[in-house]
Amino acid sequence: MERELLEELETWRCRMYTVAADKDLSDPEVLMISQRIDVLVNRLYALERDIDAHAA
């Protein structure tokens, strides 16, 4: 699951780079991508916390 999250995060990061190069940072599409990245990062951190908790 972690690998899939990382791959999806990288896909959205690349999309953000491409879209933000042509649009203002306050553009709705840029903001939507940024929010999606935030959700993925939070899910990744939560997954890592769960893994660490089980390892302890």
PDB file of N, CA and C in Angstrom:
ATOM      1  N   MET A   1       0.820  -1.198   0.000  1.00  0.00           N
ATOM      2  CA  MET A   1       0.000   0.000   0.000  1.00  0.00           C
ATOM      3  C   MET A   1       0.865   1.263   0.000  1.00  0.00           C
ATOM      4  N   GLU A   2       1.956   1.242   0.737  1.00  0.00           N
ATOM      5  CA  GLU A   2       2.834   2.410   0.781  1.00  0.00           C
ATOM      6  C   GLU A   2       3.394   2.719  -0.605  1.00  0.00           C
ATOM      7  N   ARG A   3       3.774   1.679  -1.308  1.00  0.00           N
ATOM      8  CA  ARG A   3       4.330   1.865  -2.652  1.00  0.00           C
ATOM      9  C   ARG A   3       3.299   2.526  -3.579  1.00  0.00           C
ATOM     10  N   GLU A   4       2.038   2.081  -3.500  1.00  0.00           N
ATOM     11  CA  GLU A   4       0.991   2.653  -4.333  1.00  0.00           C
ATOM     12  C   GLU A   4       0.766   4.130  -4.000  1.00  0.00           C
ATOM     13  N   LEU A   5       0.785   4.453  -2.707  1.00  0.00           N
ATOM     14  CA  LEU A   5       0.634   5.843  -2.288  1.00  0.00           C
ATOM     15  C   LEU A   5       1.772   6.706  -2.831  1.00  0.00           C
ATOM     16  N   LEU A   6       2.969   6.191  -2.737  1.00  0.00           N
ATOM     17  CA  LEU A   6       4.127   6.935  -3.239  1.00  0.00           C
ATOM     18  C   LEU A   6       4.046   7.152  -4.750  1.00  0.00           C
ATOM     19  N   GLU A   7       3.603   6.129  -5.466  1.00  0.00           N
ATOM     20  CA  GLU A   7       3.467   6.254  -6.911  1.00  0.00           C
ATOM     21  C   GLU A   7       2.388   7.276  -7.271  1.00  0.00           C
ATOM     22  N   GLU A   8       1.257   7.228  -6.570  1.00  0.00           N
ATOM     23  CA  GLU A   8       0.193   8.184  -6.837  1.00  0.00           C
ATOM     24  C   GLU A   8       0.643   9.604  -6.478  1.00  0.00           C
ATOM     25  N   LEU A   9       1.355   9.726  -5.383  1.00  0.00           N
ATOM     26  CA  LEU A   9       1.875  11.026  -4.967  1.00  0.00           C
ATOM     27  C   LEU A   9       2.822  11.598  -6.028  1.00  0.00           C
ATOM     28  N   GLU A  10       3.671  10.768  -6.568  1.00  0.00           N
ATOM     29  CA  GLU A  10       4.603  11.212  -7.610  1.00  0.00           C
ATOM     30  C   GLU A  10       3.850  11.635  -8.874  1.00  0.00           C
ATOM     31  N   THR A  11       2.814  10.900  -9.221  1.00  0.00           N
ATOM     32  CA  THR A  11       2.004  11.254 -10.391  1.00  0.00           C
ATOM     33  C   THR A  11       1.377  12.628 -10.219  1.00  0.00           C
ATOM     34  N   TRP A  12       0.783  12.871  -9.047  1.00  0.00           N
ATOM     35  CA  TRP A  12       0.161  14.170  -8.787  1.00  0.00           C
ATOM     36  C   TRP A  12       1.202  15.276  -8.679  1.00  0.00           C
ATOM     37  N   ARG A  13       2.377  14.964  -8.132  1.00  0.00           N
ATOM     38  CA  ARG A  13       3.442  15.959  -8.037  1.00  0.00           C
ATOM     39  C   ARG A  13       3.876  16.412  -9.433  1.00  0.00           C
ATOM     40  N   CYS A  14       4.031  15.472 -10.333  1.00  0.00           N
ATOM     41  CA  CYS A  14       4.412  15.810 -11.708  1.00  0.00           C
ATOM     42  C   CYS A  14       3.319  16.617 -12.398  1.00  0.00           C
ATOM     43  N   ARG A  15       2.072  16.242 -12.149  1.00  0.00           N
ATOM     44  CA  ARG A  15       0.951  16.997 -12.726  1.00  0.00           C
ATOM     45  C   ARG A  15       0.934  18.427 -12.184  1.00  0.00           C
ATOM     46  N   MET A  16       1.193  18.553 -10.893  1.00  0.00           N
ATOM     47  CA  MET A  16       1.228  19.880 -10.271  1.00  0.00           C
ATOM     48  C   MET A  16       2.298  20.747 -10.928  1.00  0.00           C
ATOM     49  N   TYR A  17       3.451  20.173 -11.128  1.00  0.00           N
ATOM     50  CA  TYR A  17       4.554  20.908 -11.748  1.00  0.00           C
ATOM     51  C   TYR A  17       4.155  21.412 -13.135  1.00  0.00           C
ATOM     52  N   THR A  18       3.534  20.545 -13.916  1.00  0.00           N
ATOM     53  CA  THR A  18       3.130  20.893 -15.272  1.00  0.00           C
ATOM     54  C   THR A  18       2.042  21.960 -15.279  1.00  0.00           C
ATOM     55  N   VAL A  19       1.016  21.762 -14.478  1.00  0.00           N
ATOM     56  CA  VAL A  19      -0.119  22.692 -14.451  1.00  0.00           C
ATOM     57  C   VAL A  19       0.307  24.046 -13.875  1.00  0.00           C
ATOM     58  N   ALA A  20       1.063  24.029 -12.791  1.00  0.00           N
ATOM     59  CA  ALA A  20       1.462  25.275 -12.135  1.00  0.00           C
ATOM     60  C   ALA A  20       2.418  26.097 -12.999  1.00  0.00           C
ATOM     61  N   ALA A  21       3.107  25.455 -13.923  1.00  0.00           N
ATOM     62  CA  ALA A  21       4.009  26.189 -14.815  1.00  0.00           C
ATOM     63  C   ALA A  21       3.231  27.096 -15.761  1.00  0.00           C
ATOM     64  N   ASP A  22       1.983  26.725 -16.058  1.00  0.00           N
ATOM     65  CA  ASP A  22       1.179  27.481 -17.022  1.00  0.00           C
ATOM     66  C   ASP A  22       0.070  28.310 -16.378  1.00  0.00           C
ATOM     67  N   LYS A  23      -0.185  28.104 -15.101  1.00  0.00           N
ATOM     68  CA  LYS A  23      -1.314  28.779 -14.460  1.00  0.00           C
ATOM     69  C   LYS A  23      -0.865  29.469 -13.184  1.00  0.00           C
ATOM     70  N   ASP A  24      -1.701  30.365 -12.722  1.00  0.00           N
ATOM     71  CA  ASP A  24      -1.464  31.032 -11.451  1.00  0.00           C
ATOM     72  C   ASP A  24      -1.618  30.025 -10.313  1.00  0.00           C
ATOM     73  N   LEU A  25      -0.866  30.210  -9.249  1.00  0.00           N
ATOM     74  CA  LEU A  25      -0.935  29.268  -8.126  1.00  0.00           C
ATOM     75  C   LEU A  25      -2.286  29.272  -7.413  1.00  0.00           C
ATOM     76  N   SER A  26      -3.092  30.287  -7.657  1.00  0.00           N
ATOM     77  CA  SER A  26      -4.432  30.329  -7.065  1.00  0.00           C
ATOM     78  C   SER A  26      -5.502  29.793  -8.016  1.00  0.00           C
ATOM     79  N   ASP A  27      -5.093  29.279  -9.149  1.00  0.00           N
ATOM     80  CA  ASP A  27      -6.024  28.684 -10.106  1.00  0.00           C
ATOM     81  C   ASP A  27      -6.724  27.479  -9.471  1.00  0.00           C
ATOM     82  N   PRO A  28      -8.013  27.317  -9.698  1.00  0.00           N
ATOM     83  CA  PRO A  28      -8.746  26.199  -9.086  1.00  0.00           C
ATOM     84  C   PRO A  28      -8.141  24.822  -9.372  1.00  0.00           C
ATOM     85  N   GLU A  29      -7.620  24.613 -10.561  1.00  0.00           N
ATOM     86  CA  GLU A  29      -7.020  23.306 -10.870  1.00  0.00           C
ATOM     87  C   GLU A  29      -5.752  23.075 -10.045  1.00  0.00           C
ATOM     88  N   VAL A  30      -4.941  24.108  -9.916  1.00  0.00           N
ATOM     89  CA  VAL A  30      -3.725  24.005  -9.110  1.00  0.00           C
ATOM     90  C   VAL A  30      -4.089  23.725  -7.655  1.00  0.00           C
ATOM     91  N   LEU A  31      -5.083  24.422  -7.153  1.00  0.00           N
ATOM     92  CA  LEU A  31      -5.518  24.216  -5.769  1.00  0.00           C
ATOM     93  C   LEU A  31      -6.072  22.816  -5.554  1.00  0.00           C
ATOM     94  N   MET A  32      -6.835  22.305  -6.508  1.00  0.00           N
ATOM     95  CA  MET A  32      -7.376  20.951  -6.404  1.00  0.00           C
ATOM     96  C   MET A  32      -6.253  19.917  -6.349  1.00  0.00           C
ATOM     97  N   ILE A  33      -5.258  20.092  -7.202  1.00  0.00           N
ATOM     98  CA  ILE A  33      -4.123  19.160  -7.209  1.00  0.00           C
ATOM     99  C   ILE A  33      -3.373  19.250  -5.888  1.00  0.00           C
ATOM    100  N   SER A  34      -3.160  20.451  -5.402  1.00  0.00           N
ATOM    101  CA  SER A  34      -2.478  20.649  -4.129  1.00  0.00           C
ATOM    102  C   SER A  34      -3.228  19.967  -2.990  1.00  0.00           C
ATOM    103  N   GLN A  35      -4.540  20.091  -2.985  1.00  0.00           N
ATOM    104  CA  GLN A  35      -5.346  19.444  -1.950  1.00  0.00           C
ATOM    105  C   GLN A  35      -5.264  17.929  -2.054  1.00  0.00           C
ATOM    106  N   ARG A  36      -5.239  17.413  -3.264  1.00  0.00           N
ATOM    107  CA  ARG A  36      -5.116  15.960  -3.457  1.00  0.00           C
ATOM    108  C   ARG A  36      -3.769  15.480  -2.923  1.00  0.00           C
ATOM    109  N   ILE A  37      -2.730  16.236  -3.200  1.00  0.00           N
ATOM    110  CA  ILE A  37      -1.398  15.889  -2.695  1.00  0.00           C
ATOM    111  C   ILE A  37      -1.400  15.900  -1.168  1.00  0.00           C
ATOM    112  N   ASP A  38      -2.038  16.896  -0.573  1.00  0.00           N
ATOM    113  CA  ASP A  38      -2.132  16.964   0.898  1.00  0.00           C
ATOM    114  C   ASP A  38      -2.797  15.721   1.469  1.00  0.00           C
ATOM    115  N   VAL A  39      -3.889  15.283   0.847  1.00  0.00           N
ATOM    116  CA  VAL A  39      -4.602  14.081   1.308  1.00  0.00           C
ATOM    117  C   VAL A  39      -3.683  12.859   1.232  1.00  0.00           C
ATOM    118  N   LEU A  40      -2.975  12.731   0.130  1.00  0.00           N
ATOM    119  CA  LEU A  40      -2.076  11.589  -0.039  1.00  0.00           C
ATOM    120  C   LEU A  40      -0.935  11.614   0.973  1.00  0.00           C
ATOM    121  N   VAL A  41      -0.372  12.778   1.221  1.00  0.00           N
ATOM    122  CA  VAL A  41       0.712  12.897   2.204  1.00  0.00           C
ATOM    123  C   VAL A  41       0.203  12.515   3.596  1.00  0.00           C
ATOM    124  N   ASN A  42      -0.992  12.983   3.940  1.00  0.00           N
ATOM    125  CA  ASN A  42      -1.567  12.634   5.241  1.00  0.00           C
ATOM    126  C   ASN A  42      -1.817  11.133   5.355  1.00  0.00           C
ATOM    127  N   ARG A  43      -2.297  10.515   4.283  1.00  0.00           N
ATOM    128  CA  ARG A  43      -2.516   9.066   4.299  1.00  0.00           C
ATOM    129  C   ARG A  43      -1.186   8.317   4.458  1.00  0.00           C
ATOM    130  N   LEU A  44      -0.154   8.805   3.789  1.00  0.00           N
ATOM    131  CA  LEU A  44       1.163   8.182   3.888  1.00  0.00           C
ATOM    132  C   LEU A  44       1.710   8.288   5.307  1.00  0.00           C
ATOM    133  N   TYR A  45       1.600   9.471   5.921  1.00  0.00           N
ATOM    134  CA  TYR A  45       2.055   9.641   7.300  1.00  0.00           C
ATOM    135  C   TYR A  45       1.280   8.735   8.253  1.00  0.00           C
ATOM    136  N   ALA A  46      -0.030   8.631   8.054  1.00  0.00           N
ATOM    137  CA  ALA A  46      -0.852   7.766   8.910  1.00  0.00           C
ATOM    138  C   ALA A  46      -0.438   6.311   8.749  1.00  0.00           C
ATOM    139  N   LEU A  47      -0.182   5.889   7.531  1.00  0.00           N
ATOM    140  CA  LEU A  47       0.259   4.523   7.281  1.00  0.00           C
ATOM    141  C   LEU A  47       1.601   4.258   7.955  1.00  0.00           C
ATOM    142  N   GLU A  48       2.518   5.195   7.850  1.00  0.00           N
ATOM    143  CA  GLU A  48       3.832   5.025   8.479  1.00  0.00           C
ATOM    144  C   GLU A  48       3.721   4.988   9.997  1.00  0.00           C
ATOM    145  N   ARG A  49       2.812   5.786  10.567  1.00  0.00           N
ATOM    146  CA  ARG A  49       2.589   5.744  12.028  1.00  0.00           C
ATOM    147  C   ARG A  49       2.074   4.373  12.447  1.00  0.00           C
ATOM    148  N   ASP A  50       1.136   3.826  11.648  1.00  0.00           N
ATOM    149  CA  ASP A  50       0.597   2.501  11.953  1.00  0.00           C
ATOM    150  C   ASP A  50       1.677   1.432  11.871  1.00  0.00           C
ATOM    151  N   ILE A  51       2.519   1.535  10.878  1.00  0.00           N
ATOM    152  CA  ILE A  51       3.615   0.564  10.719  1.00  0.00           C
ATOM    153  C   ILE A  51       4.562   0.664  11.899  1.00  0.00           C
ATOM    154  N   ASP A  52       4.921   1.896  12.296  1.00  0.00           N
ATOM    155  CA  ASP A  52       5.813   2.099  13.442  1.00  0.00           C
ATOM    156  C   ASP A  52       5.185   1.586  14.731  1.00  0.00           C
ATOM    157  N   ALA A  53       3.882   1.784  14.895  1.00  0.00           N
ATOM    158  CA  ALA A  53       3.195   1.347  16.111  1.00  0.00           C
ATOM    159  C   ALA A  53       3.187  -0.175  16.214  1.00  0.00           C
ATOM    160  N   HIS A  54       3.051  -0.848  15.077  1.00  0.00           N
ATOM    161  CA  HIS A  54       3.040  -2.309  15.097  1.00  0.00           C
ATOM    162  C   HIS A  54       4.439  -2.881  15.283  1.00  0.00           C
ATOM    163  N   ALA A  55       5.450  -2.131  14.887  1.00  0.00           N
ATOM    164  CA  ALA A  55       6.822  -2.595  15.003  1.00  0.00           C
ATOM    165  C   ALA A  55       7.341  -2.461  16.444  1.00  0.00           C
ATOM    166  N   ALA A  56       6.718  -1.586  17.205  1.00  0.00           N
ATOM    167  CA  ALA A  56       7.187  -1.322  18.585  1.00  0.00           C
ATOM    168  C   ALA A  56       6.734  -2.386  19.553  1.00  0.00           C
TER     169      ALA A  56
END
